[in-house]
Protein backbone atom coordinates (compact mmCIF):
# COMPACT_ATOMS: atom_id res chain seq x y z
CA UNK A 1 -5.67 33.32 38.16
CA UNK A 2 -5.94 30.61 40.83
CA UNK A 3 -8.95 28.31 40.99
CA UNK A 4 -10.60 30.00 44.01
CA UNK A 5 -10.35 33.47 42.46
CA UNK A 6 -11.72 32.17 39.16
CA UNK A 7 -14.74 30.55 40.86
CA UNK A 8 -15.47 33.61 43.06
CA UNK A 9 -15.34 35.89 40.03
CA UNK A 10 -17.67 33.59 38.08
CA UNK A 11 -20.08 33.34 41.04
CA UNK A 12 -20.32 37.13 41.25
CA UNK A 13 -20.86 37.31 37.49
CA UNK A 14 -23.74 34.83 37.82
CA UNK A 15 -25.07 36.91 40.76
CA UNK A 16 -25.01 40.09 38.67
CA UNK A 17 -26.81 38.47 35.70
CA UNK A 18 -29.54 36.97 37.89
CA UNK A 19 -30.05 40.26 39.77
CA UNK A 20 -30.38 42.08 36.46
CA UNK A 21 -32.93 39.55 35.14
CA UNK A 22 -35.07 39.69 38.31
CA UNK A 23 -35.05 43.49 38.59
CA UNK A 24 -37.97 43.98 36.19
CA UNK A 25 -40.35 41.38 37.73
CA UNK A 26 -39.37 42.67 41.19
CA UNK A 27 -40.42 46.20 40.23
CA UNK A 28 -43.70 44.90 38.72
CA UNK A 29 -44.55 43.23 42.06
CA UNK A 30 -43.68 46.42 43.91
CA UNK A 31 -45.78 48.76 41.74
CA UNK A 32 -48.67 46.26 41.75
CA UNK A 33 -48.48 46.21 45.56
CA UNK A 34 -48.42 50.05 45.72
CA UNK A 35 -51.55 50.13 43.55
CA UNK A 36 -53.37 47.58 45.75
CA UNK A 37 -52.27 49.31 48.99
CA UNK A 38 -52.95 52.85 47.72
CA UNK A 39 -55.69 53.37 50.28
CA UNK A 40 -53.30 53.28 53.26
CA UNK A 41 -50.73 55.83 52.05
CA UNK A 42 -52.80 58.79 53.33
CA UNK A 43 -52.76 57.37 56.88
CA UNK A 44 -49.27 55.83 56.59
CA UNK A 45 -47.16 58.04 54.28
CA UNK A 46 -44.12 56.24 55.78
CA UNK A 47 -45.21 53.14 53.79
CA UNK A 48 -44.80 55.06 50.54
CA UNK A 49 -41.31 56.12 51.66
CA UNK A 50 -40.51 52.46 52.39
CA UNK A 51 -41.59 51.57 48.82
CA UNK A 52 -39.25 54.24 47.49
CA UNK A 53 -36.40 52.81 49.59
CA UNK A 54 -37.06 49.37 48.07
CA UNK A 55 -36.82 50.82 44.53
CA UNK A 56 -33.59 52.66 45.32
CA UNK A 57 -32.10 49.57 47.01
CA UNK A 58 -33.01 47.33 44.03
CA UNK A 59 -31.34 49.61 41.50
CA UNK A 60 -28.37 50.67 43.63
CA UNK A 61 -27.41 47.10 44.63
CA UNK A 62 -27.15 46.18 40.94
CA UNK A 63 -25.04 49.27 40.26
CA UNK A 64 -22.70 48.51 43.19
CA UNK A 65 -22.42 44.87 42.13
CA UNK A 66 -21.31 45.82 38.62
CA UNK A 67 -18.62 48.17 39.99
CA UNK A 68 -17.50 45.56 42.52
CA UNK A 69 -16.97 42.92 39.81
CA UNK A 70 -14.96 45.32 37.64
CA UNK A 71 -12.83 46.43 40.61
CA UNK A 72 -10.95 44.33 43.14
CA UNK A 73 -13.11 41.40 44.32
CA UNK A 74 -11.44 41.60 47.72
CA UNK A 75 -12.65 45.18 48.26
CA UNK A 76 -14.70 44.92 51.46
CA UNK A 77 -16.26 48.39 51.01
CA UNK A 78 -18.13 47.40 47.84
CA UNK A 79 -19.13 44.11 49.44
CA UNK A 80 -20.54 45.94 52.51
CA UNK A 81 -22.42 48.42 50.32
CA UNK A 82 -23.90 45.61 48.22
CA UNK A 83 -24.97 43.53 51.23
CA UNK A 84 -26.46 46.65 52.83
CA UNK A 85 -28.65 47.21 49.76
CA UNK A 86 -29.72 43.54 49.82
CA UNK A 87 -30.61 43.81 53.51
CA UNK A 88 -32.42 47.10 52.91
CA UNK A 89 -34.51 45.48 50.16
CA UNK A 90 -35.60 42.66 52.48
CA UNK A 91 -36.31 44.95 55.44
CA UNK A 92 -38.24 47.29 53.12
CA UNK A 93 -40.64 44.50 52.09
CA UNK A 94 -40.91 43.44 55.73
CA UNK A 95 -41.76 47.02 56.76
CA UNK A 96 -44.38 47.24 54.01
CA UNK A 97 -45.97 44.04 55.40
CA UNK A 98 -46.03 45.68 58.85
CA UNK A 99 -47.98 48.71 57.59
CA UNK A 100 -50.38 46.58 55.51
CA UNK A 101 -51.12 44.41 58.57
CA UNK A 102 -51.65 47.48 60.74
CA UNK A 103 -53.94 49.23 58.27
CA UNK A 104 -55.94 46.37 56.73
CA UNK A 105 -55.92 43.92 59.65
CA UNK A 106 -55.30 40.14 59.91
CA UNK A 107 -56.19 37.73 57.11
CA UNK A 108 -57.52 40.41 54.78
CA UNK A 109 -56.96 40.26 51.03
CA UNK A 110 -54.29 42.95 51.19
CA UNK A 111 -52.40 41.25 54.05
CA UNK A 112 -52.55 37.84 52.39
CA UNK A 113 -51.42 39.39 49.07
CA UNK A 114 -48.47 41.07 50.75
CA UNK A 115 -47.62 37.78 52.51
CA UNK A 116 -47.84 35.97 49.18
CA UNK A 117 -45.47 38.52 47.62
CA UNK A 118 -42.96 37.91 50.44
CA UNK A 119 -43.18 34.12 49.94
CA UNK A 120 -42.64 34.68 46.21
CA UNK A 121 -39.64 36.90 46.93
CA UNK A 122 -38.20 34.23 49.22
CA UNK A 123 -38.36 31.68 46.36
CA UNK A 124 -37.03 34.22 43.86
CA UNK A 125 -34.23 35.11 46.24
CA UNK A 126 -33.00 31.52 46.15
CA UNK A 127 -32.73 31.77 42.36
CA UNK A 128 -31.19 35.24 42.38
CA UNK A 129 -28.78 34.93 45.31
CA UNK A 130 -27.77 31.24 45.56
CA UNK A 131 -24.49 32.14 43.84
CA UNK A 132 -23.55 33.78 47.18
CA UNK A 133 -24.49 32.10 50.46
CA UNK A 134 -23.70 35.28 52.37
CA UNK A 135 -26.12 37.25 50.17
CA UNK A 136 -28.94 34.71 50.34
CA UNK A 137 -28.61 34.43 54.14
CA UNK A 138 -28.83 38.18 54.68
CA UNK A 139 -31.65 38.53 52.16
CA UNK A 140 -33.85 35.72 53.48
CA UNK A 141 -33.55 36.66 57.15
CA UNK A 142 -33.98 40.41 56.50
CA UNK A 143 -37.04 39.68 54.31
CA UNK A 144 -38.78 37.44 56.88
CA UNK A 145 -37.70 39.03 60.19
CA UNK A 146 -40.52 41.60 60.43
CA UNK A 147 -43.35 39.39 59.00
CA UNK A 148 -42.42 36.52 61.37
CA UNK A 149 -42.32 38.94 64.33
CA UNK A 150 -45.76 40.38 63.38
CA UNK A 151 -47.33 36.94 62.94
CA UNK A 152 -45.92 35.47 66.15
CA UNK A 153 -46.98 38.48 68.26
CA UNK A 154 -50.51 38.37 66.90
CA UNK A 155 -52.88 36.73 69.42
CA UNK A 156 -54.86 34.81 66.75
CA UNK A 157 -54.06 31.13 66.14
CA UNK A 158 -54.26 31.52 62.35
CA UNK A 159 -51.56 34.24 62.35
CA UNK A 160 -49.37 32.04 64.57
CA UNK A 161 -49.83 29.09 62.17
CA UNK A 162 -48.99 31.24 59.13
CA UNK A 163 -45.88 32.45 60.96
CA UNK A 164 -44.76 28.87 61.55
CA UNK A 165 -45.33 28.04 57.86
CA UNK A 166 -43.41 31.14 56.79
CA UNK A 167 -40.52 30.24 59.07
CA UNK A 168 -40.50 26.64 57.82
CA UNK A 169 -40.44 27.89 54.22
CA UNK A 170 -37.54 30.16 55.13
CA UNK A 171 -35.36 27.27 56.34
CA UNK A 172 -36.41 25.04 53.45
CA UNK A 173 -35.46 27.74 50.92
CA UNK A 174 -32.20 28.36 52.74
CA UNK A 175 -31.36 24.63 52.47
CA UNK A 176 -32.38 24.71 48.81
CA UNK A 177 -30.10 27.70 48.17
CA UNK A 178 -27.23 25.84 49.90
CA UNK A 179 -27.69 22.86 47.55
CA UNK A 180 -27.95 25.18 44.52
CA UNK A 181 -24.83 27.04 45.58
CA UNK A 182 -22.75 23.85 45.87
CA UNK A 183 -24.06 22.57 42.55
CA UNK A 184 -23.20 25.87 40.87
CA UNK A 185 -19.72 25.89 42.45
CA UNK A 186 -19.06 22.31 41.22
CA UNK A 187 -20.23 23.26 37.74
CA UNK A 188 -17.89 26.24 37.68
CA UNK A 189 -15.01 24.07 38.91
CA UNK A 190 -15.64 21.62 36.05
CA UNK A 191 -15.87 24.57 33.67
CA UNK A 192 -12.54 25.86 34.99
CA UNK A 193 -10.87 22.47 34.48
CA UNK A 194 -12.37 22.15 31.00
CA UNK A 195 -11.27 25.65 30.11
CA UNK A 196 -7.77 24.96 31.45
CA UNK A 197 -7.56 21.77 29.41
CA UNK A 198 -8.79 23.62 26.34
CA UNK A 199 -6.17 26.33 26.84
CA UNK A 200 -3.47 23.70 27.41
CA UNK A 201 -4.58 21.92 24.23
CA UNK A 202 -4.56 25.23 22.34
CA UNK A 203 -1.04 25.99 23.60
CA UNK A 204 0.04 22.47 22.64
CA UNK A 205 -1.31 22.63 19.10
CA UNK A 206 -0.04 26.20 18.73
CA UNK A 207 3.45 24.86 19.38
CA UNK A 208 3.13 22.48 16.40
CA UNK A 209 5.22 23.80 13.46
CA UNK A 210 2.34 23.40 11.02
CA UNK A 211 -1.44 23.55 10.79
CA UNK A 212 -3.56 21.60 13.28
CA UNK A 213 -7.31 21.71 12.74
CA UNK A 214 -10.43 19.91 13.91
CA UNK A 215 -13.15 19.43 11.29
CA UNK A 216 -16.66 18.31 12.21
CA UNK A 217 -18.63 15.75 10.21
CA UNK A 218 -20.35 18.59 8.31
CA UNK A 219 -16.95 19.57 6.89
CA UNK A 220 -16.49 22.79 8.88
CA UNK A 221 -13.29 23.90 10.65
CA UNK A 222 -14.21 24.18 14.35
CA UNK A 223 -10.71 24.53 15.79
CA UNK A 224 -7.50 25.84 14.19
CA UNK A 225 -4.15 26.53 15.83
CA UNK A 226 -2.33 29.87 15.66
CA UNK A 227 0.26 28.70 13.16
CA UNK A 228 1.78 31.51 11.07
CA UNK A 229 0.62 34.17 13.58
CA UNK A 230 -3.00 33.05 13.31
CA UNK A 231 -3.18 33.53 9.54
CA UNK A 232 -4.80 30.15 8.90
CA UNK A 233 -7.03 30.46 11.98
CA UNK A 234 -8.44 33.69 10.55
CA UNK A 235 -9.02 32.18 7.10
CA UNK A 236 -10.25 28.72 8.13
CA UNK A 237 -12.14 28.89 11.42
CA UNK A 238 -15.93 28.38 11.05
CA UNK A 239 -15.58 27.97 7.28
CA UNK A 240 -16.26 24.83 5.24
CA UNK A 241 -13.45 22.71 3.78
CA UNK A 242 -12.77 23.90 0.24
CA UNK A 243 -14.33 27.30 0.81
CA UNK A 244 -10.84 28.77 1.22
CA UNK A 245 -7.63 27.87 -0.66
CA UNK A 246 -9.59 26.11 -3.46
CA UNK A 247 -6.46 25.62 -5.60
CA UNK A 248 -4.70 23.57 -2.94
CA UNK A 249 -4.79 19.76 -2.96
CA UNK A 250 -5.15 19.60 0.84
CA UNK A 251 -8.95 20.28 1.04
CA UNK A 252 -9.66 17.36 -1.34
CA UNK A 253 -7.53 15.05 0.84
CA UNK A 254 -9.44 16.19 3.96
CA UNK A 255 -12.85 15.67 2.34
CA UNK A 256 -11.91 12.25 0.95
CA UNK A 257 -10.83 11.08 4.40
CA UNK A 258 -13.93 12.61 6.02
CA UNK A 259 -16.19 10.67 3.62
CA UNK A 260 -14.25 7.40 4.00
CA UNK A 261 -14.43 4.76 6.74
CA UNK A 262 -10.74 5.11 7.59
CA UNK A 263 -9.79 5.69 11.22
CA UNK A 264 -6.27 7.01 10.64
CA UNK A 265 -4.08 7.86 7.67
CA UNK A 266 -0.70 9.48 6.99
CA UNK A 267 -0.06 10.92 3.52
CA UNK A 268 2.59 12.84 1.62
CA UNK A 269 0.69 15.33 -0.52
CA UNK A 270 2.02 17.45 -3.37
CA UNK A 271 0.10 20.68 -3.89
CA UNK A 272 0.46 23.50 -6.41
CA UNK A 273 -0.22 26.58 -4.27
CA UNK A 274 -0.42 29.75 -6.34
CA UNK A 275 1.91 28.31 -8.94
CA UNK A 276 4.43 26.94 -6.44
CA UNK A 277 4.92 23.22 -5.87
CA UNK A 278 4.80 22.35 -2.17
CA UNK A 279 4.97 19.06 -0.28
CA UNK A 280 3.04 18.37 2.93
CA UNK A 281 2.88 15.56 5.46
CA UNK A 282 -0.81 15.16 6.37
CA UNK A 283 -1.72 13.11 9.46
CA UNK A 284 -5.47 12.40 9.71
CA UNK A 285 -7.38 10.77 12.55
CA UNK A 286 -11.08 10.30 13.22
CA UNK A 287 -12.34 11.65 16.59
CA UNK A 288 -15.59 11.83 18.57
CA UNK A 289 -14.76 14.75 20.89
CA UNK A 290 -15.41 17.72 21.08
CA UNK A 291 -17.74 16.43 18.39
CA UNK A 292 -17.70 13.79 15.69
CA UNK A 293 -15.23 14.57 12.92
CA UNK A 294 -11.51 14.43 12.18
CA UNK A 295 -8.32 16.06 13.40
CA UNK A 296 -5.71 16.96 10.80
CA UNK A 297 -2.05 17.87 11.33
CA UNK A 298 -0.50 19.39 8.21
CA UNK A 299 3.27 19.92 8.12
CA UNK A 300 5.28 21.44 5.27
CA UNK A 301 8.03 19.02 4.21
CA UNK A 302 9.50 20.89 1.26
CA UNK A 303 13.03 20.60 2.64
CA UNK A 304 12.49 16.94 3.54
CA UNK A 305 11.09 16.16 0.09
CA UNK A 306 14.05 17.91 -1.54
CA UNK A 307 16.48 16.05 0.71
CA UNK A 308 14.67 12.78 0.05
CA UNK A 309 14.86 13.36 -3.70
CA UNK A 310 18.55 14.28 -3.44
CA UNK A 311 19.14 11.17 -1.34
CA UNK A 312 17.46 8.99 -3.97
CA UNK A 313 19.66 10.52 -6.65
CA UNK A 314 22.79 10.04 -4.53
CA UNK A 315 21.73 6.49 -3.64
CA UNK A 316 21.14 5.67 -7.30
CA UNK A 317 24.54 7.10 -8.20
CA UNK A 318 26.20 5.22 -5.34
CA UNK A 319 24.41 2.02 -6.32
CA UNK A 320 25.56 2.46 -9.91
CA UNK A 321 29.09 3.20 -8.71
CA UNK A 322 28.95 0.12 -6.50
CA UNK A 323 27.85 -2.01 -9.45
CA UNK A 324 30.61 -0.55 -11.62
CA UNK A 325 33.13 -1.20 -8.85
CA UNK A 326 31.97 -4.80 -8.56
CA UNK A 327 32.09 -5.30 -12.31
CA UNK A 328 35.51 -3.66 -12.44
CA UNK A 329 36.75 -5.94 -9.67
CA UNK A 330 35.54 -8.94 -11.66
CA UNK A 331 36.85 -7.72 -14.99
CA UNK A 332 40.33 -9.21 -14.48
CA UNK A 333 38.87 -12.61 -13.64
CA UNK A 334 36.43 -12.42 -16.53
CA UNK A 335 39.25 -11.48 -18.92
CA UNK A 336 41.16 -14.48 -17.67
CA UNK A 337 38.07 -16.71 -17.99
CA UNK A 338 37.45 -15.54 -21.54
CA UNK A 339 41.10 -15.48 -22.54
CA UNK A 340 41.67 -19.15 -21.62
CA UNK A 341 38.76 -20.43 -23.76
CA UNK A 342 39.91 -18.21 -26.64
CA UNK A 343 43.37 -19.76 -26.39
CA UNK A 344 41.76 -23.21 -26.46
CA UNK A 345 39.65 -22.24 -29.49
CA UNK A 346 42.69 -20.82 -31.26
CA UNK A 347 44.75 -23.93 -30.59
CA UNK A 348 41.94 -26.29 -31.60
CA UNK A 349 41.28 -24.32 -34.78
CA UNK A 350 44.98 -24.55 -35.69
CA UNK A 351 44.86 -28.31 -35.09
CA UNK A 352 41.77 -28.61 -37.32
CA UNK A 353 43.61 -26.72 -40.07
CA UNK A 354 46.38 -29.30 -39.91
CA UNK A 355 43.91 -32.20 -39.84
CA UNK A 356 42.17 -30.86 -42.93
CA UNK A 357 45.44 -31.03 -44.91
CA UNK A 358 46.08 -34.65 -44.01
CA UNK A 359 44.97 -37.53 -46.21
CA UNK A 360 43.11 -39.60 -45.42
CA UNK A 361 40.98 -37.18 -43.32
CA UNK A 362 40.82 -38.15 -39.60
CA UNK A 363 37.09 -37.57 -39.07
CA UNK A 364 37.05 -38.65 -35.40
CA UNK A 365 39.84 -36.26 -34.49
CA UNK A 366 38.12 -33.47 -36.45
CA UNK A 367 34.77 -34.16 -34.75
CA UNK A 368 36.44 -34.11 -31.34
CA UNK A 369 38.02 -30.72 -32.12
CA UNK A 370 34.67 -29.25 -33.24
CA UNK A 371 33.03 -30.47 -30.02
CA UNK A 372 35.80 -28.87 -27.98
CA UNK A 373 35.28 -25.53 -29.76
CA UNK A 374 31.49 -25.66 -29.22
CA UNK A 375 31.89 -26.45 -25.50
CA UNK A 376 34.36 -23.61 -25.09
CA UNK A 377 32.13 -21.08 -26.90
CA UNK A 378 29.21 -22.13 -24.69
CA UNK A 379 31.44 -21.48 -21.68
CA UNK A 380 32.15 -17.97 -22.98
CA UNK A 381 28.44 -17.43 -23.67
CA UNK A 382 27.56 -18.31 -20.05
CA UNK A 383 30.12 -15.85 -18.75
CA UNK A 384 28.82 -13.09 -21.01
CA UNK A 385 25.21 -13.91 -20.08
CA UNK A 386 26.00 -13.66 -16.38
CA UNK A 387 27.80 -10.37 -16.89
CA UNK A 388 24.94 -8.94 -18.96
CA UNK A 389 22.40 -10.01 -16.34
CA UNK A 390 24.28 -8.30 -13.51
CA UNK A 391 24.75 -5.15 -15.60
CA UNK A 392 21.12 -4.99 -16.76
CA UNK A 393 18.56 -2.50 -15.36
CA UNK A 394 16.57 -4.51 -12.82
CA UNK A 395 13.65 -2.04 -12.82
CA UNK A 396 12.52 -3.34 -16.22
CA UNK A 397 12.36 -6.95 -15.00
CA UNK A 398 8.95 -8.15 -13.72
CA UNK A 399 8.34 -10.47 -10.76
CA UNK A 400 7.88 -14.06 -11.93
CA UNK A 401 8.62 -17.68 -11.02
CA UNK A 402 12.35 -18.37 -11.30
CA UNK A 403 14.62 -21.27 -10.42
CA UNK A 404 17.23 -21.17 -7.73
CA UNK A 405 20.00 -22.02 -10.20
CA UNK A 406 19.01 -19.05 -12.40
CA UNK A 407 20.19 -16.64 -9.68
CA UNK A 408 23.24 -18.67 -8.58
CA UNK A 409 24.81 -19.71 -11.89
CA UNK A 410 25.57 -16.18 -13.22
CA UNK A 411 27.61 -15.24 -10.17
CA UNK A 412 29.40 -18.63 -10.22
CA UNK A 413 30.39 -18.22 -13.85
CA UNK A 414 31.78 -14.74 -13.17
CA UNK A 415 33.45 -15.72 -9.88
CA UNK A 416 34.85 -19.06 -11.06
CA UNK A 417 38.34 -17.79 -11.85
CA UNK A 418 38.52 -15.96 -8.51
CA UNK A 419 37.40 -19.09 -6.65
CA UNK A 420 40.02 -21.21 -8.49
CA UNK A 421 42.72 -18.59 -8.08
CA UNK A 422 42.30 -18.51 -4.28
CA UNK A 423 41.67 -22.26 -4.07
CA UNK A 424 38.20 -21.78 -2.56
CA UNK A 425 35.91 -24.80 -2.69
CA UNK A 426 32.33 -23.90 -3.61
CA UNK A 427 29.29 -26.14 -2.99
CA UNK A 428 25.46 -25.98 -3.03
CA UNK A 429 23.59 -28.12 -0.46
CA UNK A 430 20.01 -29.41 -0.49
CA UNK A 431 18.98 -27.86 -3.77
CA UNK A 432 15.40 -28.88 -4.67
CA UNK A 433 14.78 -28.38 -8.39
CA UNK A 434 11.00 -28.70 -7.90
CA UNK A 435 10.73 -25.55 -5.78
CA UNK A 436 10.74 -22.20 -7.58
CA UNK A 437 11.31 -18.72 -6.21
CA UNK A 438 9.09 -15.74 -7.03
CA UNK A 439 10.71 -12.41 -7.69
CA UNK A 440 12.87 -10.18 -9.86
CA UNK A 441 15.54 -12.47 -11.34
CA UNK A 442 18.07 -9.68 -11.95
CA UNK A 443 17.73 -8.19 -8.48
CA UNK A 444 18.01 -11.56 -6.74
CA UNK A 445 21.05 -12.42 -8.92
CA UNK A 446 22.66 -9.16 -7.83
CA UNK A 447 22.02 -10.07 -4.17
CA UNK A 448 23.62 -13.50 -4.64
CA UNK A 449 26.57 -11.93 -6.50
CA UNK A 450 27.11 -9.50 -3.62
CA UNK A 451 26.89 -12.20 -0.93
CA UNK A 452 29.21 -14.60 -2.82
CA UNK A 453 31.68 -11.75 -3.54
CA UNK A 454 31.75 -10.83 0.19
CA UNK A 455 32.15 -14.50 1.11
CA UNK A 456 35.15 -14.83 -1.27
CA UNK A 457 36.81 -11.77 0.30
CA UNK A 458 36.20 -13.20 3.79
CA UNK A 459 37.42 -16.71 2.88
CA UNK A 460 40.64 -15.33 1.36
CA UNK A 461 41.54 -13.75 4.71
CA UNK A 462 40.53 -16.87 6.69
CA UNK A 463 42.31 -20.12 7.46
CA UNK A 464 42.76 -23.00 5.03
CA UNK A 465 41.02 -25.00 3.71
CA UNK A 466 38.95 -22.19 2.23
CA UNK A 467 35.37 -22.87 1.30
CA UNK A 468 31.98 -21.29 0.57
CA UNK A 469 28.74 -23.14 0.98
CA UNK A 470 25.20 -22.25 -0.11
CA UNK A 471 22.45 -24.11 1.72
CA UNK A 472 18.94 -24.17 0.27
CA UNK A 473 16.25 -24.78 2.95
CA UNK A 474 12.62 -24.56 1.79
CA UNK A 475 9.78 -24.82 4.35
CA UNK A 476 6.00 -24.49 4.03
CA UNK A 477 5.96 -20.68 4.29
CA UNK A 478 9.55 -19.64 3.54
CA UNK A 479 12.55 -20.45 1.40
CA UNK A 480 15.86 -19.85 3.21
CA UNK A 481 19.12 -19.44 1.31
CA UNK A 482 22.21 -19.52 3.56
CA UNK A 483 25.58 -18.23 2.30
CA UNK A 484 28.32 -19.55 4.62
CA UNK A 485 32.07 -18.96 4.38
CA UNK A 486 35.21 -20.20 6.18
CA UNK A 487 36.45 -16.70 7.01
CA UNK A 488 37.36 -15.29 10.41
CA UNK A 489 33.77 -14.30 11.25
CA UNK A 490 32.17 -10.95 12.09
CA UNK A 491 32.74 -9.22 15.44
CA UNK A 492 29.79 -8.13 17.57
CA UNK A 493 30.66 -4.46 17.05
CA UNK A 494 30.65 -4.80 13.26
CA UNK A 495 27.58 -7.10 13.11
CA UNK A 496 25.37 -4.39 14.68
CA UNK A 497 26.02 -1.98 11.79
CA UNK A 498 27.02 -4.24 8.91
CA UNK A 499 23.74 -3.51 7.08
CA UNK A 500 24.07 0.28 7.44
CA UNK A 501 24.55 2.24 4.19
CA UNK A 502 28.17 3.21 3.42
CA UNK A 503 29.56 1.03 6.22
CA UNK A 504 32.44 -1.14 5.02
CA UNK A 505 35.42 -2.98 6.48
CA UNK A 506 37.27 -2.81 3.17
CA UNK A 507 39.74 -0.20 2.01
CA UNK A 508 38.32 2.93 0.39
CA UNK A 509 39.19 1.81 -3.13
CA UNK A 510 37.85 -1.72 -2.55
CA UNK A 511 34.20 -1.11 -1.56
CA UNK A 512 31.44 1.49 -1.21
CA UNK A 513 29.67 0.01 1.80
CA UNK A 514 26.38 -0.14 -0.12
CA UNK A 515 26.31 -3.81 -1.14
CA UNK A 516 24.56 -5.26 1.91
CA UNK A 517 22.26 -2.25 2.49
CA UNK A 518 21.09 -2.38 -1.15
CA UNK A 519 20.72 -6.17 -0.97
CA UNK A 520 18.66 -5.79 2.22
CA UNK A 521 16.31 -3.34 0.47
CA UNK A 522 15.94 -5.68 -2.50
CA UNK A 523 15.00 -8.63 -0.29
CA UNK A 524 12.57 -6.48 1.73
CA UNK A 525 10.92 -5.40 -1.52
CA UNK A 526 10.32 -9.14 -2.06
CA UNK A 527 8.60 -9.25 1.39
CA UNK A 528 11.55 -11.18 2.77
CA UNK A 529 14.51 -10.57 5.10
CA UNK A 530 18.30 -10.49 4.84
CA UNK A 531 20.09 -11.08 8.13
CA UNK A 532 23.43 -12.07 9.64
CA UNK A 533 23.00 -15.28 11.69
CA UNK A 534 25.23 -14.43 14.66
CA UNK A 535 24.43 -17.70 16.44
CA UNK A 536 26.10 -19.77 13.69
CA UNK A 537 29.69 -21.04 14.05
CA UNK A 538 30.77 -19.62 10.68
CA UNK A 539 29.79 -16.33 9.07
CA UNK A 540 26.30 -16.97 7.70
CA UNK A 541 23.99 -14.62 5.82
CA UNK A 542 20.39 -15.78 5.47
CA UNK A 543 18.10 -14.70 2.64
CA UNK A 544 14.51 -15.54 3.61
CA UNK A 545 11.91 -15.29 0.83
CA UNK A 546 8.18 -16.13 1.07
CA UNK A 547 7.05 -19.33 -0.65
CA UNK A 548 4.56 -18.81 -3.46
CA UNK A 549 3.50 -22.46 -3.86
CA UNK A 550 1.20 -22.57 -0.76
CA UNK A 551 -0.47 -19.35 -1.85
CA UNK A 552 -1.23 -20.62 -5.33
CA UNK A 553 -2.60 -23.89 -3.96
CA UNK A 554 -4.93 -22.26 -1.40
């Protein structure tokens, strides 16, 4: 339905309602008038017939109007019949005034009463017919035509003056009806726009693949979409939160948010609905229109929750596989690192056995051999400690103050043979022993191990001399750790996705592509960042961690 048709239909509906409401008082005025004028009906029986015509016209015009609204609004026959009844009503009252004036004379009680009734009907007509300017025009002029003619043809000055006043009231009421009509039309236009917006909003929220509901501050559902073929709309609309689906966890979430001072909140909610575990994404927002309350969008995320759980399991497995792959890759170097000290210990022990058989006993040589064995066993202990730290479950380790060397030394001990084997020079720059880090020691050690391992692989493929450098740059708010290598660098195409899970430039059997993505997550869990510094001349990864010292001092 176009706007003009909507407004015309509404105007006629208003016209019908007002005609129906004014029918009873109109009939009371008519029967009161018949009672007052009863003395003239013997001499003017036509006046009684005119009264009957008014009654018929009043009732019939309402009947025609109802049929016209139900039928085609463009039907000119019904419109002509209705306007004819309106005109007949006005002319009937005018004719009655004619007979009253003829029988009772000028300025008598009966004439003035009849004139007062006509003035009242003029005012009432504005209320009843202002929804249609065509109706009010025909009614007002048909109602006043005969009385004005009678008053202006009367030779007395008082009748002439009353006629002028009646005519002036006619034009004033016509202007008033014009203003009322335009105001009513504007109101209906606003109503149409509001209704259109409401329907558009309803269609929009009905398209949402979940429940959308508006809850007022009293905790009652005042709007619900047609999700699930209107099932929830039927069970929720105009009911209080918690009145339906009492076993679900969702009503409690809605009430808690409604009672809080929060403006917006997004939650993942697990609910046991009739013995079944379901997951929902609940988006809550406080609103002030159409009235104060909240709007809630509730979406089932069972598949997403299952996929998320499966992804966590797969990620944990992949992370474990990545750790095993890294440890396996280092096992040869570790075996070499441990085997050499064991050879030294074995040789030194054999020498001590010989020294013990000599006489006199060479105590200095024996002491030197013991010292060599102790130093070598300590070397083995450091390698084993580093290996155990990297293999340990980091989830059990709490956040605490740790030194920079505590996260660097384990990976150096394990990587030492690989660095020596490929003739890679390793150095640490600007290390400040007075500045501690705050975090999970095992996790940060794993990050450093991954970055150093990647740097070794890159340096091996790069030009000589080969080197790896770790720069330690503390500032007031941050501590930056830069891992730089002498490799061939990272291309722009690779740098844009180097942190993506499962992305790797290595052969399938050499890497899982999870090292950097897992390291990035670890650093982010420490409220820091891991990034590739593309503006640097050499390949540089920066670990940025927040400083804890300023916080503790403030």
